C-alpha atoms as a PDB file:
ATOM      1  CA  MET A   1      -0.106  -0.072  -0.119  1.00  0.00           C
ATOM      2  CA  LYS A   2       1.343   3.749  -1.184  1.00  0.00           C
ATOM      3  CA  LYS A   3       1.739   6.057   1.716  1.00  0.00           C
ATOM      4  CA  ILE A   4       0.372   9.696   1.313  1.00  0.00           C
ATOM      5  CA  ASN A   5       2.536  12.314   0.887  1.00  0.00           C
ATOM      6  CA  PHE A   6       1.316  14.914   2.967  1.00  0.00           C
ATOM      7  CA  ASP A   7       5.218  16.101   3.019  1.00  0.00           C
ATOM      8  CA  ASN A   8       5.141  18.295  -0.013  1.00  0.00           C
ATOM      9  CA  ILE A   9       2.142  20.376   1.097  1.00  0.00           C
ATOM     10  CA  ARG A  10       3.097  20.773   4.672  1.00  0.00           C
ATOM     11  CA  PHE A  11       6.768  22.153   3.628  1.00  0.00           C
ATOM     12  CA  LEU A  12       4.669  24.820   1.155  1.00  0.00           C
ATOM     13  CA  PHE A  13       1.971  25.614   3.875  1.00  0.00           C
ATOM     14  CA  SER A  14       5.089  26.145   6.440  1.00  0.00           C
ATOM     15  CA  ILE A  15       6.167  28.670   3.989  1.00  0.00           C
ATOM     16  CA  CYS A  16       2.739  30.445   4.007  1.00  0.00           C
ATOM     17  CA  ILE A  17       2.979  30.943   7.453  1.00  0.00           C
ATOM     18  CA  ILE A  18       5.754  32.698   7.121  1.00  0.00           C
ATOM     19  CA  ALA A  19       3.969  34.873   4.847  1.00  0.00           C
ATOM     20  CA  ILE A  20       0.983  35.059   7.295  1.00  0.00           C
ATOM     21  CA  HIS A  21       3.423  36.830  10.052  1.00  0.00           C
ATOM     22  CA  THR A  22       5.234  38.935   7.466  1.00  0.00           C
ATOM     23  CA  TYR A  23       2.681  40.396   5.365  1.00  0.00           C
ATOM     24  CA  PRO A  24       4.782  40.209   1.892  1.00  0.00           C
ATOM     25  CA  PHE A  25       2.446  41.872  -0.160  1.00  0.00           C
ATOM     26  CA  ALA A  26       1.283  44.998   1.967  1.00  0.00           C
ATOM     27  CA  SER A  27       3.437  47.091   0.345  1.00  0.00           C
ATOM     28  CA  ILE A  28       2.597  46.442  -3.094  1.00  0.00           C
ATOM     29  CA  ASN A  29      -1.564  45.946  -2.398  1.00  0.00           C
ATOM     30  CA  PRO A  30      -2.523  45.756   1.258  1.00  0.00           C
ATOM     31  CA  PHE A  31      -5.783  44.198   0.191  1.00  0.00           C
ATOM     32  CA  ILE A  32      -4.136  41.632  -1.673  1.00  0.00           C
ATOM     33  CA  ASP A  33      -1.954  40.941   1.158  1.00  0.00           C
ATOM     34  CA  TYR A  34      -4.904  40.773   3.391  1.00  0.00           C
ATOM     35  CA  ALA A  35      -6.801  38.262   0.689  1.00  0.00           C
ATOM     36  CA  LEU A  36      -3.916  35.932   0.752  1.00  0.00           C
ATOM     37  CA  THR A  37      -2.424  35.900   4.415  1.00  0.00           C
ATOM     38  CA  ARG A  38      -5.721  36.754   6.706  1.00  0.00           C
ATOM     39  CA  VAL A  39      -7.939  34.179   4.245  1.00  0.00           C
ATOM     40  CA  LEU A  40      -6.761  31.799   1.605  1.00  0.00           C
ATOM     41  CA  PHE A  41      -3.325  31.031   3.850  1.00  0.00           C
ATOM     42  CA  ARG A  42      -5.782  30.148   6.814  1.00  0.00           C
ATOM     43  CA  ILE A  43      -6.175  26.704   5.324  1.00  0.00           C
ATOM     44  CA  CYS A  44      -2.374  26.142   6.484  1.00  0.00           C
ATOM     45  CA  VAL A  45      -3.179  25.115   9.740  1.00  0.00           C
ATOM     46  CA  PRO A  46      -6.024  23.040   9.453  1.00  0.00           C
ATOM     47  CA  ILE A  47      -4.608  20.735   7.724  1.00  0.00           C
ATOM     48  CA  PHE A  48      -1.862  20.365   9.889  1.00  0.00           C
ATOM     49  CA  LEU A  49      -4.419  18.924  12.357  1.00  0.00           C
ATOM     50  CA  MET A  50      -6.434  17.019   9.720  1.00  0.00           C
ATOM     51  CA  ILE A  51      -3.328  15.287   9.028  1.00  0.00           C
ATOM     52  CA  THR A  52      -2.783  14.423  12.819  1.00  0.00           C
ATOM     53  CA  GLY A  53      -6.387  13.634  12.840  1.00  0.00           C
ATOM     54  CA  TYR A  54      -6.109  10.735  10.118  1.00  0.00           C
ATOM     55  CA  TYR A  55      -2.954   9.542  11.359  1.00  0.00           C
ATOM     56  CA  VAL A  56      -2.721   9.952  15.266  1.00  0.00           C
ATOM     57  CA  LEU A  57      -6.290   9.604  16.210  1.00  0.00           C
ATOM     58  CA  SER A  58      -7.025   6.892  14.015  1.00  0.00           C
ATOM     59  CA  LEU A  59      -4.599   5.073  15.902  1.00  0.00           C
ATOM     60  CA  GLY A  60      -5.218   6.165  19.456  1.00  0.00           C
ATOM     61  CA  LEU A  61      -8.806   5.433  19.564  1.00  0.00           C
ATOM     62  CA  ASP A  62      -7.549   1.703  19.357  1.00  0.00           C
ATOM     63  CA  LYS A  63      -4.422   1.944  21.652  1.00  0.00           C
ATOM     64  CA  LYS A  64      -4.781   4.902  24.033  1.00  0.00           C
ATOM     65  CA  GLU A  65      -1.054   4.458  24.409  1.00  0.00           C
ATOM     66  CA  CYS A  66      -0.097   5.558  21.106  1.00  0.00           C
ATOM     67  CA  LEU A  67      -2.156   8.658  21.957  1.00  0.00           C
ATOM     68  CA  ILE A  68      -0.227   9.358  25.660  1.00  0.00           C
ATOM     69  CA  ASN A  69       2.567   8.993  23.643  1.00  0.00           C
ATOM     70  CA  TYR A  70       2.590  11.593  21.124  1.00  0.00           C
ATOM     71  CA  THR A  71       1.059  13.668  23.796  1.00  0.00           C
ATOM     72  CA  LYS A  72       4.413  13.339  25.665  1.00  0.00           C
ATOM     73  CA  LYS A  73       6.162  14.018  22.534  1.00  0.00           C
ATOM     74  CA  ILE A  74       3.991  17.356  21.660  1.00  0.00           C
ATOM     75  CA  SER A  75       4.693  18.461  25.140  1.00  0.00           C
ATOM     76  CA  ILE A  76       8.193  17.873  24.774  1.00  0.00           C
ATOM     77  CA  LEU A  77       8.295  19.827  21.803  1.00  0.00           C
ATOM     78  CA  TYR A  78       6.133  22.416  23.077  1.00  0.00           C
ATOM     79  CA  ALA A  79       8.720  22.665  26.336  1.00  0.00           C
ATOM     80  CA  PHE A  80      11.372  23.218  23.918  1.00  0.00           C
ATOM     81  CA  SER A  81       9.458  25.869  21.891  1.00  0.00           C
ATOM     82  CA  ILE A  82       8.752  27.777  25.729  1.00  0.00           C
ATOM     83  CA  GLY A  83      12.729  27.373  26.174  1.00  0.00           C
ATOM     84  CA  ILE A  84      13.457  29.253  22.657  1.00  0.00           C
ATOM     85  CA  TYR A  85      11.243  31.987  22.997  1.00  0.00           C
ATOM     86  CA  LEU A  86      10.749  32.351  26.343  1.00  0.00           C
ATOM     87  CA  PRO A  87      14.014  34.531  27.292  1.00  0.00           C
ATOM     88  CA  ILE A  88      12.791  36.898  24.210  1.00  0.00           C
ATOM     89  CA  THR A  89       9.475  37.713  26.065  1.00  0.00           C
ATOM     90  CA  ILE A  90      11.377  38.496  29.131  1.00  0.00           C
ATOM     91  CA  ILE A  91      14.055  40.757  27.443  1.00  0.00           C
ATOM     92  CA  ASN A  92      11.922  42.614  25.139  1.00  0.00           C
ATOM     93  CA  GLY A  93       9.675  43.112  28.435  1.00  0.00           C
ATOM     94  CA  HIS A  94       6.474  41.669  27.758  1.00  0.00           C
ATOM     95  CA  PHE A  95       6.557  38.373  30.280  1.00  0.00           C
ATOM     96  CA  ILE A  96       7.830  41.076  33.380  1.00  0.00           C
ATOM     97  CA  LYS A  97       4.799  43.162  32.971  1.00  0.00           C
ATOM     98  CA  LEU A  98       2.452  40.148  33.540  1.00  0.00           C
ATOM     99  CA  THR A  99       0.717  39.021  36.904  1.00  0.00           C
ATOM    100  CA  LEU A 100       1.619  35.570  38.359  1.00  0.00           C
ATOM    101  CA  LEU A 101      -1.839  34.136  36.792  1.00  0.00           C
ATOM    102  CA  GLU A 102      -1.283  35.763  33.516  1.00  0.00           C
ATOM    103  CA  ARG A 103       2.085  34.503  33.159  1.00  0.00           C
ATOM    104  CA  ILE A 104       0.632  30.791  34.063  1.00  0.00           C
ATOM    105  CA  LYS A 105      -1.726  31.208  31.371  1.00  0.00           C
ATOM    106  CA  GLU A 106       0.673  32.496  28.529  1.00  0.00           C
ATOM    107  CA  ILE A 107       2.717  29.287  29.467  1.00  0.00           C
ATOM    108  CA  VAL A 108      -0.283  26.852  29.537  1.00  0.00           C
ATOM    109  CA  PHE A 109      -2.316  27.813  27.036  1.00  0.00           C
ATOM    110  CA  THR A 110      -0.830  30.430  24.670  1.00  0.00           C
ATOM    111  CA  GLY A 111       2.668  29.812  24.032  1.00  0.00           C
ATOM    112  CA  THR A 112       5.152  32.487  25.086  1.00  0.00           C
ATOM    113  CA  MET A 113       5.276  33.223  21.396  1.00  0.00           C
ATOM    114  CA  TYR A 114       2.325  34.156  19.091  1.00  0.00           C
ATOM    115  CA  HIS A 115       3.019  30.748  17.023  1.00  0.00           C
ATOM    116  CA  LEU A 116       2.900  28.320  20.130  1.00  0.00           C
ATOM    117  CA  TRP A 117      -0.764  28.197  20.368  1.00  0.00           C
ATOM    118  CA  TYR A 118      -0.863  25.556  18.256  1.00  0.00           C
ATOM    119  CA  PHE A 119       0.668  23.002  20.680  1.00  0.00           C
ATOM    120  CA  PRO A 120      -1.652  23.405  23.740  1.00  0.00           C
ATOM    121  CA  ALA A 121      -4.604  23.646  21.228  1.00  0.00           C
ATOM    122  CA  LEU A 122      -3.189  20.366  19.500  1.00  0.00           C
ATOM    123  CA  ILE A 123      -3.374  18.658  22.702  1.00  0.00           C
ATOM    124  CA  LEU A 124      -6.439  19.610  24.009  1.00  0.00           C
ATOM    125  CA  GLY A 125      -8.140  19.513  21.230  1.00  0.00           C
ATOM    126  CA  ILE A 126      -7.207  15.865  20.343  1.00  0.00           C
ATOM    127  CA  TRP A 127      -7.941  14.383  23.926  1.00  0.00           C
ATOM    128  CA  ILE A 128     -11.442  15.842  23.672  1.00  0.00           C
ATOM    129  CA  VAL A 129     -12.294  14.610  20.267  1.00  0.00           C
ATOM    130  CA  TYR A 130     -10.909  10.830  21.851  1.00  0.00           C
ATOM    131  CA  PHE A 131     -13.404  11.470  24.779  1.00  0.00           C
ATOM    132  CA  LEU A 132     -16.192  12.349  22.863  1.00  0.00           C
ATOM    133  CA  LEU A 133     -15.765   9.690  20.388  1.00  0.00           C
ATOM    134  CA  LYS A 134     -15.193   7.513  23.256  1.00  0.00           C
ATOM    135  CA  LYS A 135     -18.443   8.303  25.496  1.00  0.00           C
ATOM    136  CA  VAL A 136     -20.544   9.385  22.667  1.00  0.00           C
ATOM    137  CA  SER A 137     -21.879   8.294  19.272  1.00  0.00           C
ATOM    138  CA  GLU A 138     -20.122   9.536  16.313  1.00  0.00           C
ATOM    139  CA  LYS A 139     -22.921  11.789  15.275  1.00  0.00           C
ATOM    140  CA  SER A 140     -23.475  13.233  18.239  1.00  0.00           C
ATOM    141  CA  ALA A 141     -19.498  14.004  18.763  1.00  0.00           C
ATOM    142  CA  PHE A 142     -19.579  15.750  15.499  1.00  0.00           C
ATOM    143  CA  ALA A 143     -22.412  17.489  16.660  1.00  0.00           C
ATOM    144  CA  ILE A 144     -20.435  18.770  19.481  1.00  0.00           C
ATOM    145  CA  ILE A 145     -17.522  19.579  17.947  1.00  0.00           C
ATOM    146  CA  LEU A 146     -19.913  21.646  15.553  1.00  0.00           C
ATOM    147  CA  PHE A 147     -21.524  23.823  17.959  1.00  0.00           C
ATOM    148  CA  PHE A 148     -18.115  24.438  19.644  1.00  0.00           C
ATOM    149  CA  TYR A 149     -16.780  25.469  16.082  1.00  0.00           C
ATOM    150  CA  ILE A 150     -19.588  27.804  15.546  1.00  0.00           C
ATOM    151  CA  LEU A 151     -19.224  29.399  19.053  1.00  0.00           C
ATOM    152  CA  GLY A 152     -15.597  29.558  18.037  1.00  0.00           C
ATOM    153  CA  LEU A 153     -16.698  31.710  15.011  1.00  0.00           C
ATOM    154  CA  LEU A 154     -18.854  33.865  17.042  1.00  0.00           C
ATOM    155  CA  GLY A 155     -15.978  34.745  19.035  1.00  0.00           C
ATOM    156  CA  ASP A 156     -13.326  35.386  15.935  1.00  0.00           C
ATOM    157  CA  SER A 157     -14.572  36.215  12.383  1.00  0.00           C
ATOM    158  CA  TYR A 158     -18.299  36.573  13.543  1.00  0.00           C
ATOM    159  CA  TYR A 159     -17.605  38.680  17.184  1.00  0.00           C
ATOM    160  CA  GLY A 160     -19.328  41.609  15.768  1.00  0.00           C
ATOM    161  CA  ILE A 161     -22.415  39.727  15.973  1.00  0.00           C
ATOM    162  CA  ALA A 162     -21.574  38.043  18.679  1.00  0.00           C
ATOM    163  CA  LEU A 163     -21.508  41.492  20.584  1.00  0.00           C
ATOM    164  CA  LYS A 164     -25.148  41.896  19.673  1.00  0.00           C
ATOM    165  CA  ILE A 165     -26.330  38.721  21.537  1.00  0.00           C
ATOM    166  CA  PRO A 166     -27.279  39.737  25.211  1.00  0.00           C
ATOM    167  CA  GLY A 167     -24.841  37.590  27.482  1.00  0.00           C
ATOM    168  CA  LEU A 168     -22.521  36.684  24.446  1.00  0.00           C
ATOM    169  CA  GLU A 169     -19.936  38.920  25.250  1.00  0.00           C
ATOM    170  CA  ILE A 170     -19.380  38.379  29.076  1.00  0.00           C
ATOM    171  CA  ILE A 171     -18.818  34.614  28.174  1.00  0.00           C
ATOM    172  CA  TYR A 172     -16.254  35.483  25.493  1.00  0.00           C
ATOM    173  CA  GLN A 173     -14.324  37.690  27.458  1.00  0.00           C
ATOM    174  CA  GLY A 174     -14.220  34.738  30.236  1.00  0.00           C
ATOM    175  CA  VAL A 175     -12.542  32.396  27.163  1.00  0.00           C
ATOM    176  CA  PHE A 176     -10.104  35.324  25.908  1.00  0.00           C
ATOM    177  CA  SER A 177      -9.441  35.684  29.457  1.00  0.00           C
ATOM    178  CA  ILE A 178      -7.654  32.177  29.350  1.00  0.00           C
ATOM    179  CA  PHE A 179      -6.808  31.644  26.035  1.00  0.00           C
ATOM    180  CA  GLY A 180      -6.558  35.011  24.141  1.00  0.00           C
ATOM    181  CA  TYR A 181      -8.457  33.892  21.122  1.00  0.00           C
ATOM    182  CA  ALA A 182     -11.076  31.523  20.131  1.00  0.00           C
ATOM    183  CA  ARG A 183      -8.315  29.624  17.602  1.00  0.00           C
ATOM    184  CA  ASN A 184      -7.699  27.310  20.506  1.00  0.00           C
ATOM    185  CA  GLY A 185      -8.475  23.135  21.812  1.00  0.00           C
ATOM    186  CA  ILE A 186     -12.088  23.850  22.622  1.00  0.00           C
ATOM    187  CA  PHE A 187     -13.499  26.023  19.882  1.00  0.00           C
ATOM    188  CA  TYR A 188     -10.989  25.439  16.540  1.00  0.00           C
ATOM    189  CA  ALA A 189      -8.562  22.292  16.976  1.00  0.00           C
ATOM    190  CA  PRO A 190     -10.927  19.572  17.628  1.00  0.00           C
ATOM    191  CA  LEU A 191     -13.466  20.180  14.275  1.00  0.00           C
ATOM    192  CA  PHE A 192     -10.345  19.606  12.005  1.00  0.00           C
ATOM    193  CA  LEU A 193      -8.864  16.837  14.204  1.00  0.00           C
ATOM    194  CA  TYR A 194     -12.331  14.606  13.676  1.00  0.00           C
ATOM    195  CA  LEU A 195     -12.401  15.968  10.042  1.00  0.00           C
ATOM    196  CA  GLY A 196      -8.805  14.134   9.408  1.00  0.00           C
ATOM    197  CA  TYR A 197      -9.972  11.214  11.634  1.00  0.00           C
ATOM    198  CA  ARG A 198     -13.846  10.778   9.806  1.00  0.00           C
ATOM    199  CA  ILE A 199     -11.733  11.009   6.320  1.00  0.00           C
ATOM    200  CA  LYS A 200      -9.857   8.050   7.605  1.00  0.00           C
ATOM    201  CA  GLN A 201     -12.557   6.078   8.288  1.00  0.00           C
ATOM    202  CA  ARG A 202     -14.437   7.118   5.446  1.00  0.00           C
ATOM    203  CA  GLY A 203     -12.119   7.488   2.415  1.00  0.00           C
ATOM    204  CA  CYS A 204     -12.773   9.418  -0.438  1.00  0.00           C
ATOM    205  CA  LEU A 205     -16.438   9.331  -1.512  1.00  0.00           C
ATOM    206  CA  LEU A 206     -15.999  11.416  -4.991  1.00  0.00           C
ATOM    207  CA  GLU A 207     -13.844  11.148  -8.185  1.00  0.00           C
ATOM    208  CA  LYS A 208     -10.681  13.002  -8.480  1.00  0.00           C
ATOM    209  CA  LYS A 209     -12.213  16.193 -11.090  1.00  0.00           C
ATOM    210  CA  MET A 210     -15.469  16.300  -8.737  1.00  0.00           C
ATOM    211  CA  HIS A 211     -13.344  16.924  -5.491  1.00  0.00           C
ATOM    212  CA  LEU A 212     -11.240  19.423  -7.686  1.00  0.00           C
ATOM    213  CA  PHE A 213     -14.121  21.417  -8.399  1.00  0.00           C
ATOM    214  CA  LEU A 214     -15.818  21.519  -5.481  1.00  0.00           C
ATOM    215  CA  MET A 215     -12.156  22.586  -3.446  1.00  0.00           C
ATOM    216  CA  SER A 216     -12.165  25.675  -6.275  1.00  0.00           C
ATOM    217  CA  LEU A 217     -15.360  26.651  -5.328  1.00  0.00           C
ATOM    218  CA  SER A 218     -14.860  26.438  -1.533  1.00  0.00           C
ATOM    219  CA  PHE A 219     -11.474  28.606  -2.296  1.00  0.00           C
ATOM    220  CA  ILE A 220     -13.633  31.303  -3.720  1.00  0.00           C
ATOM    221  CA  PHE A 221     -16.785  30.997  -1.234  1.00  0.00           C
ATOM    222  CA  LEU A 222     -13.693  31.042   1.524  1.00  0.00           C
ATOM    223  CA  LEU A 223     -12.454  34.346  -0.060  1.00  0.00           C
ATOM    224  CA  LEU A 224     -15.468  35.923  -0.796  1.00  0.00           C
ATOM    225  CA  GLU A 225     -16.299  35.361   3.083  1.00  0.00           C
ATOM    226  CA  GLY A 226     -13.495  36.364   4.598  1.00  0.00           C
ATOM    227  CA  LEU A 227     -13.457  39.636   2.007  1.00  0.00           C
ATOM    228  CA  LEU A 228     -17.178  40.327   2.835  1.00  0.00           C
ATOM    229  CA  LEU A 229     -16.630  40.407   7.097  1.00  0.00           C
ATOM    230  CA  LEU A 230     -13.214  42.640   6.112  1.00  0.00           C
ATOM    231  CA  PHE A 231     -15.785  45.147   4.638  1.00  0.00           C
ATOM    232  CA  LEU A 232     -18.278  44.655   7.288  1.00  0.00           C
ATOM    233  CA  LYS A 233     -16.072  45.190   9.835  1.00  0.00           C
ATOM    234  CA  ILE A 234     -16.888  42.126  11.851  1.00  0.00           C
ATOM    235  CA  PRO A 235     -14.196  40.272  12.340  1.00  0.00           C
ATOM    236  CA  ARG A 236     -12.018  40.069  16.033  1.00  0.00           C
ATOM    237  CA  HIS A 237      -9.548  37.873  14.375  1.00  0.00           C
ATOM    238  CA  ASN A 238      -9.540  36.174  11.289  1.00  0.00           C
ATOM    239  CA  SER A 239      -8.745  32.475  12.264  1.00  0.00           C
ATOM    240  CA  MET A 240     -12.143  31.023  11.573  1.00  0.00           C
ATOM    241  CA  TYR A 241     -14.757  31.022   8.667  1.00  0.00           C
ATOM    242  CA  VAL A 242     -17.578  29.148   7.888  1.00  0.00           C
ATOM    243  CA  TYR A 243     -16.100  27.953   4.781  1.00  0.00           C
ATOM    244  CA  LEU A 244     -13.073  27.144   5.866  1.00  0.00           C
ATOM    245  CA  PRO A 245     -13.511  23.538   7.367  1.00  0.00           C
ATOM    246  CA  VAL A 246     -15.588  22.577   3.957  1.00  0.00           C
ATOM    247  CA  THR A 247     -12.255  24.050   1.706  1.00  0.00           C
ATOM    248  CA  ALA A 248     -10.267  22.178   4.076  1.00  0.00           C
ATOM    249  CA  TYR A 249     -12.154  19.259   3.564  1.00  0.00           C
ATOM    250  CA  PHE A 250     -11.913  18.716   0.086  1.00  0.00           C
ATOM    251  CA  LEU A 251      -8.340  19.876  -0.362  1.00  0.00           C
ATOM    252  CA  PHE A 252      -7.390  17.171   2.102  1.00  0.00           C
ATOM    253  CA  THR A 253      -9.179  14.626   0.327  1.00  0.00           C
ATOM    254  CA  LEU A 254      -7.321  15.691  -3.034  1.00  0.00           C
ATOM    255  CA  ILE A 255      -4.285  15.507  -1.818  1.00  0.00           C
ATOM    256  CA  LEU A 256      -5.204  11.891  -0.429  1.00  0.00           C
ATOM    257  CA  GLN A 257      -6.050  11.134  -4.394  1.00  0.00           C
ATOM    258  CA  TYR A 258      -3.471  12.500  -5.585  1.00  0.00           C
ATOM    259  CA  GLY A 259      -0.198  12.717  -3.351  1.00  0.00           C
ATOM    260  CA  LYS A 260       1.647   9.213  -3.328  1.00  0.00           C
ATOM    261  CA  GLY A 261       5.024   8.450  -1.882  1.00  0.00           C
ATOM    262  CA  GLU A 262       6.707  10.598   1.134  1.00  0.00           C
ATOM    263  CA  ASN A 263       9.263  13.177   1.545  1.00  0.00           C
ATOM    264  CA  ARG A 264      10.609  12.888   5.319  1.00  0.00           C
ATOM    265  CA  LYS A 265      12.847  15.671   4.362  1.00  0.00           C
ATOM    266  CA  PHE A 266      10.325  18.126   3.613  1.00  0.00           C
ATOM    267  CA  ARG A 267       8.670  16.559   6.811  1.00  0.00           C
ATOM    268  CA  LYS A 268      11.224  17.479   9.002  1.00  0.00           C
ATOM    269  CA  TRP A 269      11.792  21.062   7.275  1.00  0.00           C
ATOM    270  CA  SER A 270       8.532  21.973   7.678  1.00  0.00           C
ATOM    271  CA  LEU A 271       8.019  21.582  11.424  1.00  0.00           C
ATOM    272  CA  TRP A 272      11.891  23.164  12.082  1.00  0.00           C
ATOM    273  CA  ILE A 273      10.695  26.321   9.882  1.00  0.00           C
ATOM    274  CA  TYR A 274       7.236  26.324  11.750  1.00  0.00           C
ATOM    275  CA  LEU A 275       9.132  26.689  14.852  1.00  0.00           C
ATOM    276  CA  PHE A 276      12.047  28.633  14.017  1.00  0.00           C
ATOM    277  CA  HIS A 277      10.700  31.556  11.847  1.00  0.00           C
ATOM    278  CA  PRO A 278       9.518  33.912  14.523  1.00  0.00           C
ATOM    279  CA  LEU A 279      12.893  33.672  15.706  1.00  0.00           C
ATOM    280  CA  SER A 280      14.524  34.314  12.484  1.00  0.00           C
ATOM    281  CA  ILE A 281      11.798  37.887  12.494  1.00  0.00           C
ATOM    282  CA  VAL A 282      13.321  38.690  15.620  1.00  0.00           C
ATOM    283  CA  ILE A 283      16.894  38.467  14.554  1.00  0.00           C
ATOM    284  CA  ILE A 284      16.258  40.107  11.402  1.00  0.00           C
ATOM    285  CA  ASN A 285      14.657  42.851  12.631  1.00  0.00           C
ATOM    286  CA  LYS A 286      16.933  43.376  15.542  1.00  0.00           C
ATOM    287  CA  CYS A 287      19.888  43.711  12.665  1.00  0.00           C
ATOM    288  CA  PHE A 288      18.309  45.916  10.613  1.00  0.00           C
ATOM    289  CA  HIS A 289      17.450  48.084  13.634  1.00  0.00           C
ATOM    290  CA  LEU A 290      21.463  48.527  14.109  1.00  0.00           C
ATOM    291  CA  CYS A 291      21.769  49.453  10.743  1.00  0.00           C
ATOM    292  CA  SER A 292      19.011  52.200  11.068  1.00  0.00           C
ATOM    293  CA  PHE A 293      17.311  50.268   8.341  1.00  0.00           C
ATOM    294  CA  SER A 294      13.269  49.619   8.918  1.00  0.00           C
ATOM    295  CA  ILE A 295      13.112  46.177   6.887  1.00  0.00           C
ATOM    296  CA  GLU A 296       9.150  45.785   7.917  1.00  0.00           C
ATOM    297  CA  LYS A 297       8.373  48.602   5.443  1.00  0.00           C
ATOM    298  CA  TYR A 298       9.814  46.351   2.598  1.00  0.00           C
ATOM    299  CA  HIS A 299       7.716  43.232   3.733  1.00  0.00           C
ATOM    300  CA  PHE A 300       8.427  41.041   0.639  1.00  0.00           C
ATOM    301  CA  LEU A 301      12.174  41.657   1.247  1.00  0.00           C
ATOM    302  CA  ASN A 302      11.197  40.863   5.331  1.00  0.00           C
ATOM    303  CA  PHE A 303       9.596  37.649   3.833  1.00  0.00           C
ATOM    304  CA  ILE A 304      12.453  36.505   1.514  1.00  0.00           C
ATOM    305  CA  CYS A 305      14.706  37.605   4.550  1.00  0.00           C
ATOM    306  CA  VAL A 306      12.925  35.512   7.118  1.00  0.00           C
ATOM    307  CA  PHE A 307      12.431  32.560   4.778  1.00  0.00           C
ATOM    308  CA  LEU A 308      16.293  32.305   3.990  1.00  0.00           C
ATOM    309  CA  VAL A 309      17.508  32.733   7.743  1.00  0.00           C
ATOM    310  CA  THR A 310      14.808  30.719   9.026  1.00  0.00           C
ATOM    311  CA  PHE A 311      16.105  27.978   6.055  1.00  0.00           C
ATOM    312  CA  LEU A 312      19.945  28.389   7.640  1.00  0.00           C
ATOM    313  CA  PHE A 313      18.114  27.608  11.392  1.00  0.00           C
ATOM    314  CA  VAL A 314      17.042  24.258   9.496  1.00  0.00           C
ATOM    315  CA  ILE A 315      20.132  23.560   8.037  1.00  0.00           C
ATOM    316  CA  PHE A 316      22.366  23.632  10.955  1.00  0.00           C
ATOM    317  CA  ILE A 317      20.018  21.571  12.767  1.00  0.00           C
ATOM    318  CA  GLU A 318      19.475  18.511  10.544  1.00  0.00           C
ATOM    319  CA  TRP A 319      23.764  18.977  10.251  1.00  0.00           C
ATOM    320  CA  GLY A 320      23.747  19.162  14.448  1.00  0.00           C
ATOM    321  CA  LYS A 321      21.299  15.852  14.306  1.00  0.00           C
ATOM    322  CA  GLU A 322      23.845  13.914  11.766  1.00  0.00           C
ATOM    323  CA  LYS A 323      27.180  14.972  13.821  1.00  0.00           C
ATOM    324  CA  MET A 324      25.212  13.711  16.858  1.00  0.00           C
ATOM    325  CA  LYS A 325      24.392  10.463  15.497  1.00  0.00           C
ATOM    326  CA  TYR A 326      27.825  10.416  14.082  1.00  0.00           C
ATOM    327  CA  ILE A 327      29.467  10.930  17.258  1.00  0.00           C
ATOM    328  CA  PHE A 328      27.147   8.955  19.211  1.00  0.00           C
ATOM    329  CA  ALA A 329      27.678   5.807  16.397  1.00  0.00           C
ATOM    330  CA  LYS A 330      31.679   5.960  17.180  1.00  0.00           C
ATOM    331  CA  LYS A 331      31.228   5.739  20.717  1.00  0.00           C
ATOM    332  CA  THR A 332      28.862   2.462  20.685  1.00  0.00           C
ATOM    333  CA  VAL A 333      31.602   0.984  18.576  1.00  0.00           C
END
C-alpha cells in the first residue's frame, strides 16, 4: 500500500505561515495581502490538524497508549519551544509586566510566542475528540464539535454579531482571559482533528475531478466570505471562517487522491520552519535596526530574508543531528 504524501504540502504551507507573519504583499497591495495571508492561507493550520487526526487520532482510538506517547512528544516539543522564546519575551519586557496568573496562562495555553498556541490547542483538542468519540456516538460527537466551532466563529471572524447577542460578550471575555483567542483546543482544533479522523474511516467518496471542482469552488467562497467580513468590519480576529472546514475537507481529500509516496526531508523541514521562523523575524529586525534600516516597511524583502534565515536554522539543525548521530555511533563501536 502506497503512503500518502502530505510532506510536500506541509513544506509549502510552512512557508505560507511565514507569509502570514510577515505580510509579504502589504507594500504592493494591502488588499491582496489580506486576501492571501488573512483568508486563503488560513487553510494551512487546519490541514496540519487534519493530518494529525488522520494518523494519530485514528490509531489512538484503538490504542490509547499511542495517543499518550504522542501527547508526551508534543509536550516535550512545546517545552523546548517555550525554552527558546521565553528569554525573548523577558528581554523585551512583555513577560515581566504580566501577573503570575497571566504568566501561567501564557505558558500553559497561549505560548510565549504568537505561533506556539498551536501545541496546547493540539493537545487539548485531540483529547477532547478522543473522549467524545469514546463516550458518545459519532454523530453526537460531531454535533458537539460543530457546535463549539460555531461558538468559536462568533468569537473570531463573526465577533461583531456576538456583540449584539445579550450575554455572549461576557462569555467570550471569560474565554479570551484564558486563551486570548477563539482559535484554541476547545473551539478550533477539534473540528479539523475530527475531519481528519473521519476521512481516514470513510475514505474519498467522490471522483478526483469532482473533488477538484468542489475544492476550487470552496476556495472562492472562502475568499468572498473573508473579504465580506472585512468590508462589514465584523471580525475580532481572522482565523475561523464558515467555509474554512469545507475547503480544508476537499483539499485534504484531493491530496489523498493525488499525493503518493513520501518526503521525510520536507516533513522535518516543515516542523523546523514553523518553530523557528518567529526567531528569524526577531533576529532580522534587530540586525536591520542596528543598521538604522526599518525592514518592516519592505514587506516582501522581509519575507525573503525570514525564509532564508529560517532555512539556515533548518540546515544547521539537520547538520547537528547528523553530527550527533555520528559521534554517538562512534562511541558505541
